[in-house]
Amino acid sequence: MERTNLSYYTVPAAWVVSLIPHFYAIARYDRVSKAGKFDRVNPRLFVASVEDNKTIESSLKRKIIRAEGAQLNGFENLGFFAGAVVAANTTGVDVWWLNVLSMAYVFNRALYNIVYIKGVAGPVRGLPYYAAVACAITLYIKAGNVANRQG
């Protein structure tokens, strides 16, 4: 029985997981801000407007800013992951490995968002980050191994 390759689907899934913290931040900001709503005309000024907003409690400000940080971190790592998925597919890495590693990447990125936004520090926050990176690196290594055997 042939296995279904789900790895390409995990790239847009990782994109969505990267974007979710931004929507969370906007929702929290819009719910409590008395100084105005999220500025869709100047979205890149969002963090500065959160920092300058005197109507938002300090702990919530930090949580909103961390959510924006989680979003940025997700997008900063997305290209590396997408490249790994393409490399592994192109060289013919076994579908089981493609599925397991790409889904584990998305799972760990979602977990990372949660611990990042909650403000968890130290190894607990680093663990899902490095686990996701390890999944992408493993895809690259497996792609290289297959390519070297074919060459």
N, C-alpha and C. Protein backbone atom coordinates (compact mmCIF):
# COMPACT_ATOMS: atom_id res chain seq x y z
N MET A 1 0.84 -1.19 0.00
CA MET A 1 0.00 0.00 0.00
C MET A 1 0.89 1.25 0.00
N GLU A 2 0.58 2.17 -0.86
CA GLU A 2 1.36 3.39 -0.99
C GLU A 2 0.99 4.39 0.11
N ARG A 3 2.02 5.05 0.63
CA ARG A 3 1.78 6.07 1.67
C ARG A 3 1.50 7.42 1.01
N THR A 4 0.66 8.20 1.65
CA THR A 4 0.35 9.54 1.16
C THR A 4 1.40 10.51 1.69
N ASN A 5 1.98 11.27 0.78
CA ASN A 5 2.98 12.26 1.16
C ASN A 5 2.26 13.54 1.60
N LEU A 6 2.36 13.85 2.88
CA LEU A 6 1.71 15.03 3.45
C LEU A 6 2.67 16.20 3.63
N SER A 7 3.93 16.00 3.33
CA SER A 7 4.95 17.00 3.68
C SER A 7 4.73 18.35 3.02
N TYR A 8 4.32 18.37 1.76
CA TYR A 8 4.11 19.67 1.11
C TYR A 8 2.97 20.45 1.78
N TYR A 9 2.00 19.76 2.33
CA TYR A 9 0.90 20.42 3.03
C TYR A 9 1.35 21.08 4.33
N THR A 10 2.45 20.59 4.88
CA THR A 10 2.91 21.15 6.15
C THR A 10 3.56 22.51 5.99
N VAL A 11 3.97 22.87 4.77
CA VAL A 11 4.55 24.21 4.56
C VAL A 11 3.49 25.29 4.75
N PRO A 12 2.32 25.21 4.08
CA PRO A 12 1.30 26.21 4.39
C PRO A 12 0.78 26.09 5.83
N ALA A 13 0.78 24.88 6.37
CA ALA A 13 0.37 24.72 7.78
C ALA A 13 1.34 25.47 8.68
N ALA A 14 2.63 25.39 8.39
CA ALA A 14 3.63 26.11 9.18
C ALA A 14 3.45 27.62 9.02
N TRP A 15 3.05 28.05 7.83
CA TRP A 15 2.78 29.46 7.59
C TRP A 15 1.62 29.93 8.47
N VAL A 16 0.55 29.14 8.52
CA VAL A 16 -0.61 29.48 9.36
C VAL A 16 -0.20 29.50 10.83
N VAL A 17 0.57 28.51 11.26
CA VAL A 17 1.04 28.47 12.66
C VAL A 17 1.88 29.70 12.96
N SER A 18 2.63 30.19 11.99
CA SER A 18 3.43 31.40 12.19
C SER A 18 2.55 32.65 12.30
N LEU A 19 1.43 32.65 11.61
CA LEU A 19 0.56 33.83 11.59
C LEU A 19 -0.39 33.91 12.79
N ILE A 20 -0.74 32.80 13.36
CA ILE A 20 -1.71 32.77 14.46
C ILE A 20 -1.34 33.71 15.62
N PRO A 21 -0.08 33.77 16.06
CA PRO A 21 0.24 34.69 17.15
C PRO A 21 -0.08 36.15 16.83
N HIS A 22 0.04 36.53 15.57
CA HIS A 22 -0.28 37.90 15.17
C HIS A 22 -1.77 38.18 15.35
N PHE A 23 -2.61 37.24 14.93
CA PHE A 23 -4.06 37.41 15.12
C PHE A 23 -4.41 37.44 16.61
N TYR A 24 -3.73 36.62 17.39
CA TYR A 24 -3.93 36.62 18.84
C TYR A 24 -3.58 37.99 19.41
N ALA A 25 -2.43 38.53 19.00
CA ALA A 25 -1.98 39.83 19.50
C ALA A 25 -2.97 40.94 19.14
N ILE A 26 -3.43 40.93 17.91
CA ILE A 26 -4.40 41.95 17.48
C ILE A 26 -5.70 41.83 18.27
N ALA A 27 -6.19 40.62 18.45
CA ALA A 27 -7.44 40.41 19.18
C ALA A 27 -7.31 40.90 20.62
N ARG A 28 -6.21 40.56 21.27
CA ARG A 28 -6.01 41.01 22.66
C ARG A 28 -5.89 42.52 22.73
N TYR A 29 -5.17 43.12 21.81
CA TYR A 29 -4.98 44.57 21.77
C TYR A 29 -6.32 45.28 21.55
N ASP A 30 -7.04 44.85 20.54
CA ASP A 30 -8.32 45.50 20.22
C ASP A 30 -9.33 45.38 21.35
N ARG A 31 -9.27 44.29 22.10
CA ARG A 31 -10.21 44.06 23.19
C ARG A 31 -9.99 45.03 24.35
N VAL A 32 -8.76 45.40 24.63
CA VAL A 32 -8.48 46.19 25.84
C VAL A 32 -8.03 47.62 25.58
N SER A 33 -7.60 47.93 24.38
CA SER A 33 -7.06 49.26 24.11
C SER A 33 -8.15 50.31 24.09
N LYS A 34 -7.93 51.36 24.86
CA LYS A 34 -8.84 52.50 24.84
C LYS A 34 -8.27 53.60 23.94
N ALA A 35 -7.06 53.37 23.41
CA ALA A 35 -6.39 54.36 22.58
C ALA A 35 -6.57 54.08 21.09
N GLY A 36 -7.41 53.14 20.74
CA GLY A 36 -7.63 52.84 19.33
C GLY A 36 -7.41 51.37 19.03
N LYS A 37 -7.80 50.99 17.84
CA LYS A 37 -7.68 49.60 17.38
C LYS A 37 -6.39 49.42 16.59
N PHE A 38 -6.13 48.17 16.23
CA PHE A 38 -4.97 47.84 15.40
C PHE A 38 -5.03 48.65 14.11
N ASP A 39 -3.93 49.27 13.75
CA ASP A 39 -3.85 50.13 12.57
C ASP A 39 -3.49 49.29 11.34
N ARG A 40 -4.49 48.97 10.54
CA ARG A 40 -4.26 48.14 9.35
C ARG A 40 -3.54 48.90 8.24
N VAL A 41 -3.49 50.22 8.34
CA VAL A 41 -2.76 51.03 7.36
C VAL A 41 -1.26 50.99 7.64
N ASN A 42 -0.89 50.94 8.92
CA ASN A 42 0.52 50.92 9.33
C ASN A 42 0.79 49.73 10.25
N PRO A 43 0.65 48.51 9.77
CA PRO A 43 0.78 47.35 10.65
C PRO A 43 2.17 47.16 11.25
N ARG A 44 3.19 47.67 10.58
CA ARG A 44 4.55 47.49 11.10
C ARG A 44 4.83 48.37 12.32
N LEU A 45 3.93 49.28 12.61
CA LEU A 45 4.07 50.13 13.79
C LEU A 45 3.33 49.55 15.00
N PHE A 46 2.82 48.33 14.86
CA PHE A 46 1.99 47.73 15.90
C PHE A 46 2.72 47.62 17.24
N VAL A 47 3.91 47.06 17.25
CA VAL A 47 4.64 46.88 18.51
C VAL A 47 4.90 48.23 19.17
N ALA A 48 5.29 49.22 18.39
CA ALA A 48 5.52 50.56 18.95
C ALA A 48 4.24 51.13 19.53
N SER A 49 3.11 50.91 18.86
CA SER A 49 1.84 51.43 19.40
C SER A 49 1.43 50.71 20.67
N VAL A 50 1.75 49.42 20.76
CA VAL A 50 1.48 48.67 22.00
C VAL A 50 2.34 49.23 23.13
N GLU A 51 3.62 49.42 22.85
CA GLU A 51 4.53 49.95 23.87
C GLU A 51 4.11 51.33 24.35
N ASP A 52 3.62 52.17 23.44
CA ASP A 52 3.24 53.54 23.78
C ASP A 52 1.85 53.65 24.41
N ASN A 53 1.05 52.61 24.32
CA ASN A 53 -0.33 52.65 24.79
C ASN A 53 -0.36 52.59 26.32
N LYS A 54 -0.84 53.66 26.93
CA LYS A 54 -0.88 53.76 28.40
C LYS A 54 -2.13 53.10 29.00
N THR A 55 -3.05 52.64 28.15
CA THR A 55 -4.29 52.06 28.66
C THR A 55 -4.21 50.54 28.83
N ILE A 56 -3.08 49.95 28.46
CA ILE A 56 -2.94 48.50 28.54
C ILE A 56 -2.02 48.14 29.70
N GLU A 57 -2.45 47.19 30.49
CA GLU A 57 -1.67 46.69 31.62
C GLU A 57 -0.31 46.15 31.13
N SER A 58 0.71 46.38 31.92
CA SER A 58 2.08 46.02 31.56
C SER A 58 2.26 44.54 31.20
N SER A 59 1.67 43.65 32.00
CA SER A 59 1.84 42.22 31.73
C SER A 59 1.18 41.82 30.40
N LEU A 60 0.06 42.44 30.07
CA LEU A 60 -0.60 42.15 28.80
C LEU A 60 0.21 42.73 27.64
N LYS A 61 0.78 43.91 27.84
CA LYS A 61 1.65 44.48 26.80
C LYS A 61 2.77 43.52 26.45
N ARG A 62 3.41 42.98 27.48
CA ARG A 62 4.52 42.05 27.25
C ARG A 62 4.04 40.81 26.50
N LYS A 63 2.85 40.32 26.85
CA LYS A 63 2.31 39.13 26.17
C LYS A 63 2.01 39.43 24.70
N ILE A 64 1.44 40.58 24.42
CA ILE A 64 1.16 40.97 23.03
C ILE A 64 2.45 41.10 22.24
N ILE A 65 3.45 41.72 22.84
CA ILE A 65 4.74 41.90 22.17
C ILE A 65 5.42 40.55 21.96
N ARG A 66 5.29 39.64 22.92
CA ARG A 66 5.85 38.29 22.73
C ARG A 66 5.14 37.55 21.61
N ALA A 67 3.83 37.76 21.48
CA ALA A 67 3.09 37.12 20.38
C ALA A 67 3.60 37.62 19.04
N GLU A 68 3.87 38.90 18.95
CA GLU A 68 4.46 39.43 17.71
C GLU A 68 5.85 38.85 17.48
N GLY A 69 6.61 38.67 18.55
CA GLY A 69 7.93 38.04 18.43
C GLY A 69 7.83 36.60 17.95
N ALA A 70 6.84 35.87 18.45
CA ALA A 70 6.63 34.48 18.02
C ALA A 70 6.28 34.43 16.54
N GLN A 71 5.45 35.38 16.10
CA GLN A 71 5.10 35.45 14.68
C GLN A 71 6.35 35.69 13.84
N LEU A 72 7.15 36.67 14.21
CA LEU A 72 8.36 36.97 13.45
C LEU A 72 9.30 35.77 13.41
N ASN A 73 9.48 35.12 14.55
CA ASN A 73 10.36 33.97 14.62
C ASN A 73 9.86 32.86 13.70
N GLY A 74 8.56 32.66 13.66
CA GLY A 74 8.00 31.63 12.79
C GLY A 74 8.29 31.91 11.33
N PHE A 75 8.10 33.15 10.91
CA PHE A 75 8.35 33.49 9.51
C PHE A 75 9.85 33.49 9.19
N GLU A 76 10.67 33.85 10.16
CA GLU A 76 12.12 33.80 9.94
C GLU A 76 12.61 32.37 9.70
N ASN A 77 11.94 31.40 10.27
CA ASN A 77 12.34 29.99 10.13
C ASN A 77 11.59 29.27 9.01
N LEU A 78 10.56 29.87 8.46
CA LEU A 78 9.72 29.20 7.47
C LEU A 78 10.47 28.84 6.20
N GLY A 79 11.30 29.73 5.69
CA GLY A 79 12.05 29.45 4.47
C GLY A 79 13.00 28.28 4.63
N PHE A 80 13.65 28.22 5.77
CA PHE A 80 14.57 27.11 6.06
C PHE A 80 13.81 25.78 6.04
N PHE A 81 12.64 25.76 6.66
CA PHE A 81 11.82 24.55 6.69
C PHE A 81 11.30 24.20 5.29
N ALA A 82 10.78 25.19 4.57
CA ALA A 82 10.24 24.93 3.23
C ALA A 82 11.33 24.37 2.32
N GLY A 83 12.52 24.92 2.41
CA GLY A 83 13.64 24.40 1.63
C GLY A 83 13.96 22.96 1.96
N ALA A 84 13.86 22.63 3.24
CA ALA A 84 14.13 21.25 3.67
C ALA A 84 13.10 20.30 3.10
N VAL A 85 11.84 20.71 3.11
CA VAL A 85 10.77 19.86 2.56
C VAL A 85 10.99 19.65 1.06
N VAL A 86 11.32 20.71 0.34
CA VAL A 86 11.55 20.58 -1.10
C VAL A 86 12.77 19.71 -1.37
N ALA A 87 13.87 19.93 -0.65
CA ALA A 87 15.08 19.13 -0.85
C ALA A 87 14.81 17.65 -0.60
N ALA A 88 14.10 17.36 0.48
CA ALA A 88 13.83 15.96 0.82
C ALA A 88 12.90 15.31 -0.20
N ASN A 89 11.92 16.05 -0.68
CA ASN A 89 11.02 15.50 -1.70
C ASN A 89 11.73 15.31 -3.03
N THR A 90 12.53 16.27 -3.41
CA THR A 90 13.21 16.24 -4.70
C THR A 90 14.18 15.07 -4.81
N THR A 91 14.85 14.77 -3.72
CA THR A 91 15.83 13.68 -3.74
C THR A 91 15.21 12.31 -3.52
N GLY A 92 13.97 12.28 -3.03
CA GLY A 92 13.30 11.00 -2.85
C GLY A 92 13.44 10.39 -1.47
N VAL A 93 13.53 11.23 -0.45
CA VAL A 93 13.54 10.73 0.93
C VAL A 93 12.25 9.95 1.17
N ASP A 94 12.34 8.88 1.92
CA ASP A 94 11.19 8.02 2.22
C ASP A 94 10.02 8.85 2.75
N VAL A 95 8.83 8.57 2.25
CA VAL A 95 7.62 9.33 2.60
C VAL A 95 7.35 9.28 4.11
N TRP A 96 7.63 8.16 4.75
CA TRP A 96 7.40 8.08 6.19
C TRP A 96 8.22 9.15 6.91
N TRP A 97 9.50 9.28 6.55
CA TRP A 97 10.34 10.30 7.17
C TRP A 97 9.87 11.70 6.81
N LEU A 98 9.50 11.92 5.57
CA LEU A 98 8.97 13.22 5.17
C LEU A 98 7.78 13.62 6.03
N ASN A 99 6.84 12.70 6.18
CA ASN A 99 5.64 13.00 6.96
C ASN A 99 5.95 13.22 8.43
N VAL A 100 6.70 12.32 9.02
CA VAL A 100 6.99 12.42 10.46
C VAL A 100 7.75 13.70 10.77
N LEU A 101 8.80 13.98 10.03
CA LEU A 101 9.63 15.15 10.34
C LEU A 101 8.92 16.46 10.02
N SER A 102 8.18 16.51 8.93
CA SER A 102 7.49 17.76 8.60
C SER A 102 6.33 18.03 9.56
N MET A 103 5.60 16.99 9.95
CA MET A 103 4.52 17.20 10.93
C MET A 103 5.08 17.52 12.31
N ALA A 104 6.19 16.90 12.67
CA ALA A 104 6.83 17.21 13.95
C ALA A 104 7.31 18.66 13.98
N TYR A 105 7.78 19.16 12.84
CA TYR A 105 8.18 20.56 12.76
C TYR A 105 7.00 21.47 13.09
N VAL A 106 5.87 21.24 12.43
CA VAL A 106 4.68 22.08 12.64
C VAL A 106 4.21 21.98 14.09
N PHE A 107 4.17 20.78 14.63
CA PHE A 107 3.76 20.59 16.02
C PHE A 107 4.67 21.37 16.97
N ASN A 108 5.98 21.26 16.77
CA ASN A 108 6.92 21.96 17.65
C ASN A 108 6.84 23.47 17.49
N ARG A 109 6.56 23.95 16.29
CA ARG A 109 6.39 25.39 16.10
C ARG A 109 5.14 25.88 16.84
N ALA A 110 4.07 25.11 16.81
CA ALA A 110 2.86 25.49 17.54
C ALA A 110 3.13 25.50 19.04
N LEU A 111 3.83 24.50 19.52
CA LEU A 111 4.19 24.44 20.94
C LEU A 111 5.10 25.61 21.31
N TYR A 112 6.04 25.93 20.44
CA TYR A 112 6.93 27.06 20.68
C TYR A 112 6.13 28.36 20.81
N ASN A 113 5.15 28.57 19.94
CA ASN A 113 4.32 29.77 20.04
C ASN A 113 3.67 29.88 21.41
N ILE A 114 3.15 28.77 21.90
CA ILE A 114 2.47 28.77 23.20
C ILE A 114 3.42 29.16 24.32
N VAL A 115 4.58 28.51 24.38
CA VAL A 115 5.50 28.81 25.48
C VAL A 115 6.10 30.20 25.33
N TYR A 116 6.32 30.65 24.11
CA TYR A 116 6.85 32.00 23.87
C TYR A 116 5.85 33.04 24.36
N ILE A 117 4.60 32.92 23.96
CA ILE A 117 3.58 33.90 24.32
C ILE A 117 3.32 33.90 25.83
N LYS A 118 3.33 32.72 26.44
CA LYS A 118 3.12 32.64 27.89
C LYS A 118 4.29 33.24 28.68
N GLY A 119 5.43 33.40 28.04
CA GLY A 119 6.58 33.98 28.72
C GLY A 119 7.46 32.97 29.41
N VAL A 120 7.33 31.71 29.03
CA VAL A 120 8.17 30.66 29.60
C VAL A 120 9.60 30.90 29.12
N ALA A 121 10.54 30.80 30.04
CA ALA A 121 11.94 31.06 29.68
C ALA A 121 12.77 29.80 29.83
N GLY A 122 14.00 29.91 29.43
CA GLY A 122 14.97 28.83 29.63
C GLY A 122 14.76 27.65 28.72
N PRO A 123 15.18 26.47 29.19
CA PRO A 123 15.17 25.27 28.35
C PRO A 123 13.77 24.88 27.86
N VAL A 124 12.75 25.16 28.64
CA VAL A 124 11.39 24.77 28.23
C VAL A 124 11.01 25.52 26.95
N ARG A 125 11.37 26.78 26.86
CA ARG A 125 11.07 27.56 25.66
C ARG A 125 11.98 27.13 24.51
N GLY A 126 13.21 26.83 24.80
CA GLY A 126 14.14 26.44 23.75
C GLY A 126 13.90 25.06 23.17
N LEU A 127 13.35 24.17 23.98
CA LEU A 127 13.18 22.78 23.53
C LEU A 127 12.33 22.66 22.26
N PRO A 128 11.12 23.22 22.20
CA PRO A 128 10.36 23.08 20.95
C PRO A 128 11.00 23.82 19.77
N TYR A 129 11.69 24.92 20.05
CA TYR A 129 12.38 25.64 18.98
C TYR A 129 13.45 24.76 18.36
N TYR A 130 14.32 24.22 19.20
CA TYR A 130 15.42 23.40 18.69
C TYR A 130 14.92 22.07 18.12
N ALA A 131 13.83 21.56 18.65
CA ALA A 131 13.25 20.33 18.09
C ALA A 131 12.76 20.58 16.66
N ALA A 132 12.12 21.73 16.44
CA ALA A 132 11.66 22.07 15.09
C ALA A 132 12.85 22.25 14.14
N VAL A 133 13.87 22.96 14.60
CA VAL A 133 15.07 23.15 13.78
C VAL A 133 15.71 21.80 13.46
N ALA A 134 15.76 20.92 14.46
CA ALA A 134 16.34 19.59 14.25
C ALA A 134 15.56 18.80 13.20
N CYS A 135 14.25 18.96 13.17
CA CYS A 135 13.44 18.29 12.14
C CYS A 135 13.84 18.77 10.75
N ALA A 136 13.98 20.08 10.59
CA ALA A 136 14.36 20.62 9.28
C ALA A 136 15.77 20.18 8.90
N ILE A 137 16.70 20.25 9.84
CA ILE A 137 18.07 19.83 9.56
C ILE A 137 18.11 18.35 9.18
N THR A 138 17.33 17.54 9.87
CA THR A 138 17.29 16.11 9.56
C THR A 138 16.77 15.88 8.15
N LEU A 139 15.78 16.66 7.72
CA LEU A 139 15.30 16.54 6.34
C LEU A 139 16.43 16.86 5.35
N TYR A 140 17.20 17.91 5.63
CA TYR A 140 18.34 18.25 4.76
C TYR A 140 19.38 17.13 4.74
N ILE A 141 19.68 16.59 5.90
CA ILE A 141 20.68 15.51 5.98
C ILE A 141 20.19 14.29 5.21
N LYS A 142 18.93 13.92 5.42
CA LYS A 142 18.38 12.77 4.70
C LYS A 142 18.39 13.03 3.19
N ALA A 143 18.08 14.25 2.77
CA ALA A 143 18.13 14.59 1.35
C ALA A 143 19.55 14.46 0.81
N GLY A 144 20.51 14.94 1.58
CA GLY A 144 21.91 14.82 1.17
C GLY A 144 22.36 13.38 1.07
N ASN A 145 21.94 12.57 2.04
CA ASN A 145 22.30 11.15 2.02
C ASN A 145 21.73 10.44 0.79
N VAL A 146 20.47 10.73 0.48
CA VAL A 146 19.85 10.11 -0.70
C VAL A 146 20.55 10.59 -1.98
N ALA A 147 20.82 11.89 -2.06
CA ALA A 147 21.49 12.44 -3.25
C ALA A 147 22.87 11.82 -3.44
N ASN A 148 23.60 11.61 -2.36
CA ASN A 148 24.94 11.02 -2.46
C ASN A 148 24.88 9.56 -2.90
N ARG A 149 23.85 8.84 -2.50
CA ARG A 149 23.70 7.44 -2.93
C ARG A 149 23.32 7.35 -4.40
N GLN A 150 22.58 8.36 -4.89
CA GLN A 150 22.15 8.36 -6.29
C GLN A 150 23.27 8.77 -7.24
N GLY A 151 24.17 9.63 -6.74
CA GLY A 151 25.23 10.20 -7.57
C GLY A 151 26.26 9.21 -7.90
